[in-house]
């Protein structure tokens, strides 16, 4: 029980690291997005053009849930939908210039934050052990 309590405390402290690191102005917009919207933005940053159906399957969400999220992001001028030239029924979702700027700021923020985390470890062995253990935990949750 004590270990669970300790893990709970550590978990909340690591979440709060975001707020102890100076946030770029652009990041304020990103942090106001809900988790699904952030996930969509991240996916579109990694894969510049994607159909709604592929996005829906990747995120394992209903069509209406994805449509609502895309509507929110489009309203904020972070994404746009472009009709396919090959099939007029299909729309490709892409980041707008504002969406791309926001994602770049987000990635830079994460880089700085993760660099601070890894820099706190004493040597390469500790860093590798930390990453291996984190990978093991994530794989357990992905089962």
C-alpha atoms as a PDB file:
ATOM      1  CA  UNK A   1       0.000   0.000   0.000  1.00  0.00           C
ATOM      2  CA  UNK A   2       2.842   2.415   0.805  1.00  0.00           C
ATOM      3  CA  UNK A   3       4.364   1.829  -2.627  1.00  0.00           C
ATOM      4  CA  UNK A   4       1.085   2.654  -4.315  1.00  0.00           C
ATOM      5  CA  UNK A   5       0.822   5.835  -2.270  1.00  0.00           C
ATOM      6  CA  UNK A   6       4.403   6.757  -3.180  1.00  0.00           C
ATOM      7  CA  UNK A   7       3.731   6.058  -6.874  1.00  0.00           C
ATOM      8  CA  UNK A   8       0.611   8.223  -6.675  1.00  0.00           C
ATOM      9  CA  UNK A   9       2.651  11.100  -5.264  1.00  0.00           C
ATOM     10  CA  UNK A  10       5.362  10.684  -7.913  1.00  0.00           C
ATOM     11  CA  UNK A  11       2.764  10.499 -10.672  1.00  0.00           C
ATOM     12  CA  UNK A  12       1.198  13.798  -9.632  1.00  0.00           C
ATOM     13  CA  UNK A  13       4.583  15.445  -9.198  1.00  0.00           C
ATOM     14  CA  UNK A  14       5.674  14.448 -12.703  1.00  0.00           C
ATOM     15  CA  UNK A  15       2.408  15.720 -14.189  1.00  0.00           C
ATOM     16  CA  UNK A  16       3.053  19.040 -12.477  1.00  0.00           C
ATOM     17  CA  UNK A  17       6.479  19.298 -14.115  1.00  0.00           C
ATOM     18  CA  UNK A  18       4.701  20.805 -17.124  1.00  0.00           C
ATOM     19  CA  UNK A  19       3.612  23.730 -14.989  1.00  0.00           C
ATOM     20  CA  UNK A  20       7.051  24.307 -13.475  1.00  0.00           C
ATOM     21  CA  UNK A  21       8.636  24.669 -16.909  1.00  0.00           C
ATOM     22  CA  UNK A  22       8.245  27.948 -18.755  1.00  0.00           C
ATOM     23  CA  UNK A  23       5.550  27.401 -21.370  1.00  0.00           C
ATOM     24  CA  UNK A  24       5.899  29.010 -24.781  1.00  0.00           C
ATOM     25  CA  UNK A  25       2.939  31.276 -25.554  1.00  0.00           C
ATOM     26  CA  UNK A  26       1.795  28.906 -28.311  1.00  0.00           C
ATOM     27  CA  UNK A  27       1.553  26.073 -25.791  1.00  0.00           C
ATOM     28  CA  UNK A  28      -1.275  27.781 -23.920  1.00  0.00           C
ATOM     29  CA  UNK A  29      -3.522  27.018 -26.911  1.00  0.00           C
ATOM     30  CA  UNK A  30      -2.367  23.386 -27.025  1.00  0.00           C
ATOM     31  CA  UNK A  31      -3.015  22.825 -23.319  1.00  0.00           C
ATOM     32  CA  UNK A  32      -6.585  24.082 -23.714  1.00  0.00           C
ATOM     33  CA  UNK A  33      -7.299  21.267 -26.188  1.00  0.00           C
ATOM     34  CA  UNK A  34      -8.795  18.089 -24.782  1.00  0.00           C
ATOM     35  CA  UNK A  35      -6.841  14.820 -24.940  1.00  0.00           C
ATOM     36  CA  UNK A  36      -8.526  13.586 -28.134  1.00  0.00           C
ATOM     37  CA  UNK A  37      -7.856  16.874 -29.936  1.00  0.00           C
ATOM     38  CA  UNK A  38      -4.207  16.768 -28.822  1.00  0.00           C
ATOM     39  CA  UNK A  39      -3.915  13.179 -30.072  1.00  0.00           C
ATOM     40  CA  UNK A  40      -5.355  14.152 -33.453  1.00  0.00           C
ATOM     41  CA  UNK A  41      -2.940  17.069 -33.725  1.00  0.00           C
ATOM     42  CA  UNK A  42       0.005  14.789 -32.886  1.00  0.00           C
ATOM     43  CA  UNK A  43      -1.058  12.168 -35.424  1.00  0.00           C
ATOM     44  CA  UNK A  44      -1.489  14.762 -38.165  1.00  0.00           C
ATOM     45  CA  UNK A  45       1.920  16.212 -37.372  1.00  0.00           C
ATOM     46  CA  UNK A  46       3.504  12.787 -37.862  1.00  0.00           C
ATOM     47  CA  UNK A  47       1.352  11.903 -40.894  1.00  0.00           C
ATOM     48  CA  UNK A  48       0.675  15.125 -42.798  1.00  0.00           C
ATOM     49  CA  UNK A  49      -2.467  13.952 -44.629  1.00  0.00           C
ATOM     50  CA  UNK A  50      -4.992  11.426 -43.442  1.00  0.00           C
ATOM     51  CA  UNK A  51      -8.591  10.499 -44.087  1.00  0.00           C
ATOM     52  CA  UNK A  52     -11.157  10.626 -41.344  1.00  0.00           C
ATOM     53  CA  UNK A  53     -11.723   6.870 -41.578  1.00  0.00           C
ATOM     54  CA  UNK A  54      -8.034   6.079 -41.024  1.00  0.00           C
ATOM     55  CA  UNK A  55      -7.920   8.532 -38.127  1.00  0.00           C
ATOM     56  CA  UNK A  56     -11.060   6.998 -36.625  1.00  0.00           C
ATOM     57  CA  UNK A  57      -9.556   3.500 -36.792  1.00  0.00           C
ATOM     58  CA  UNK A  58      -6.221   4.639 -35.343  1.00  0.00           C
ATOM     59  CA  UNK A  59      -7.937   6.241 -32.368  1.00  0.00           C
ATOM     60  CA  UNK A  60     -10.628   3.570 -32.046  1.00  0.00           C
ATOM     61  CA  UNK A  61     -13.375   6.186 -31.841  1.00  0.00           C
ATOM     62  CA  UNK A  62     -16.808   6.510 -33.429  1.00  0.00           C
ATOM     63  CA  UNK A  63     -17.350   8.550 -36.555  1.00  0.00           C
ATOM     64  CA  UNK A  64     -19.429  11.100 -34.627  1.00  0.00           C
ATOM     65  CA  UNK A  65     -16.704  11.518 -31.968  1.00  0.00           C
ATOM     66  CA  UNK A  66     -14.039  12.145 -34.620  1.00  0.00           C
ATOM     67  CA  UNK A  67     -16.348  14.485 -36.543  1.00  0.00           C
ATOM     68  CA  UNK A  68     -16.961  16.553 -33.398  1.00  0.00           C
ATOM     69  CA  UNK A  69     -13.232  16.749 -32.662  1.00  0.00           C
ATOM     70  CA  UNK A  70     -12.426  17.753 -36.243  1.00  0.00           C
ATOM     71  CA  UNK A  71     -15.135  20.411 -36.144  1.00  0.00           C
ATOM     72  CA  UNK A  72     -13.589  21.875 -32.969  1.00  0.00           C
ATOM     73  CA  UNK A  73     -10.095  21.878 -34.458  1.00  0.00           C
ATOM     74  CA  UNK A  74     -11.320  23.327 -37.744  1.00  0.00           C
ATOM     75  CA  UNK A  75     -13.181  26.089 -35.896  1.00  0.00           C
ATOM     76  CA  UNK A  76      -9.884  27.035 -34.216  1.00  0.00           C
ATOM     77  CA  UNK A  77      -8.160  27.046 -37.636  1.00  0.00           C
ATOM     78  CA  UNK A  78      -5.796  24.228 -36.599  1.00  0.00           C
ATOM     79  CA  UNK A  79      -6.852  21.717 -39.268  1.00  0.00           C
ATOM     80  CA  UNK A  80      -8.557  21.778 -42.622  1.00  0.00           C
ATOM     81  CA  UNK A  81     -10.305  19.177 -44.739  1.00  0.00           C
ATOM     82  CA  UNK A  82      -9.408  18.895 -48.398  1.00  0.00           C
ATOM     83  CA  UNK A  83     -11.535  16.951 -50.820  1.00  0.00           C
ATOM     84  CA  UNK A  84      -9.750  14.111 -52.597  1.00  0.00           C
ATOM     85  CA  UNK A  85      -9.228  14.615 -56.325  1.00  0.00           C
ATOM     86  CA  UNK A  86      -9.575  10.871 -56.928  1.00  0.00           C
ATOM     87  CA  UNK A  87     -12.729  10.310 -54.866  1.00  0.00           C
ATOM     88  CA  UNK A  88     -14.947  13.317 -54.133  1.00  0.00           C
ATOM     89  CA  UNK A  89     -16.532  11.476 -51.174  1.00  0.00           C
ATOM     90  CA  UNK A  90     -13.190  11.371 -49.333  1.00  0.00           C
ATOM     91  CA  UNK A  91     -11.659  14.267 -47.409  1.00  0.00           C
ATOM     92  CA  UNK A  92      -8.044  14.462 -46.304  1.00  0.00           C
ATOM     93  CA  UNK A  93      -7.363  16.126 -42.976  1.00  0.00           C
ATOM     94  CA  UNK A  94      -4.255  18.286 -42.720  1.00  0.00           C
ATOM     95  CA  UNK A  95      -2.804  20.753 -40.265  1.00  0.00           C
ATOM     96  CA  UNK A  96      -3.110  24.428 -41.179  1.00  0.00           C
ATOM     97  CA  UNK A  97      -0.100  26.739 -40.836  1.00  0.00           C
ATOM     98  CA  UNK A  98      -1.351  27.648 -37.339  1.00  0.00           C
ATOM     99  CA  UNK A  99      -1.753  23.959 -36.509  1.00  0.00           C
ATOM    100  CA  UNK A 100       1.768  23.229 -37.717  1.00  0.00           C
ATOM    101  CA  UNK A 101       3.204  26.126 -35.667  1.00  0.00           C
ATOM    102  CA  UNK A 102       1.363  24.879 -32.602  1.00  0.00           C
ATOM    103  CA  UNK A 103       2.681  21.337 -33.039  1.00  0.00           C
ATOM    104  CA  UNK A 104       6.242  22.578 -33.517  1.00  0.00           C
ATOM    105  CA  UNK A 105       5.964  24.593 -30.282  1.00  0.00           C
ATOM    106  CA  UNK A 106       4.531  21.533 -28.536  1.00  0.00           C
ATOM    107  CA  UNK A 107       7.382  19.311 -29.714  1.00  0.00           C
ATOM    108  CA  UNK A 108       9.982  21.885 -28.683  1.00  0.00           C
ATOM    109  CA  UNK A 109       8.396  22.142 -25.237  1.00  0.00           C
ATOM    110  CA  UNK A 110       8.418  18.347 -24.864  1.00  0.00           C
ATOM    111  CA  UNK A 111      12.034  18.193 -25.990  1.00  0.00           C
ATOM    112  CA  UNK A 112      13.080  20.685 -23.304  1.00  0.00           C
ATOM    113  CA  UNK A 113      11.009  18.917 -20.638  1.00  0.00           C
ATOM    114  CA  UNK A 114      12.242  15.416 -21.540  1.00  0.00           C
ATOM    115  CA  UNK A 115      15.822  16.648 -21.770  1.00  0.00           C
ATOM    116  CA  UNK A 116      15.489  17.956 -18.201  1.00  0.00           C
ATOM    117  CA  UNK A 117      14.113  14.600 -17.067  1.00  0.00           C
ATOM    118  CA  UNK A 118      16.910  12.598 -18.691  1.00  0.00           C
ATOM    119  CA  UNK A 119      19.576  15.090 -17.581  1.00  0.00           C
ATOM    120  CA  UNK A 120      18.587  14.483 -13.974  1.00  0.00           C
ATOM    121  CA  UNK A 121      19.859  10.925 -14.285  1.00  0.00           C
ATOM    122  CA  UNK A 122      23.544  10.424 -13.577  1.00  0.00           C
ATOM    123  CA  UNK A 123      24.739   8.349 -16.508  1.00  0.00           C
ATOM    124  CA  UNK A 124      23.745   6.510 -19.674  1.00  0.00           C
ATOM    125  CA  UNK A 125      23.069   3.297 -17.767  1.00  0.00           C
ATOM    126  CA  UNK A 126      20.479   5.033 -15.558  1.00  0.00           C
ATOM    127  CA  UNK A 127      18.878   6.643 -18.606  1.00  0.00           C
ATOM    128  CA  UNK A 128      18.653   3.305 -20.421  1.00  0.00           C
ATOM    129  CA  UNK A 129      17.233   1.597 -17.328  1.00  0.00           C
ATOM    130  CA  UNK A 130      14.650   4.364 -16.883  1.00  0.00           C
ATOM    131  CA  UNK A 131      13.556   4.134 -20.529  1.00  0.00           C
ATOM    132  CA  UNK A 132      13.474   0.322 -20.449  1.00  0.00           C
ATOM    133  CA  UNK A 133      11.292   0.321 -17.333  1.00  0.00           C
ATOM    134  CA  UNK A 134       8.972   2.941 -18.789  1.00  0.00           C
ATOM    135  CA  UNK A 135       8.671   0.866 -21.973  1.00  0.00           C
ATOM    136  CA  UNK A 136       7.855  -2.225 -19.899  1.00  0.00           C
ATOM    137  CA  UNK A 137       5.093  -0.359 -18.045  1.00  0.00           C
ATOM    138  CA  UNK A 138       3.575   1.003 -21.248  1.00  0.00           C
ATOM    139  CA  UNK A 139       3.589  -2.430 -22.904  1.00  0.00           C
ATOM    140  CA  UNK A 140       1.696  -3.844 -19.919  1.00  0.00           C
ATOM    141  CA  UNK A 141      -1.028  -1.215 -20.356  1.00  0.00           C
ATOM    142  CA  UNK A 142      -1.169  -1.787 -24.126  1.00  0.00           C
ATOM    143  CA  UNK A 143      -2.072  -5.481 -23.703  1.00  0.00           C
END
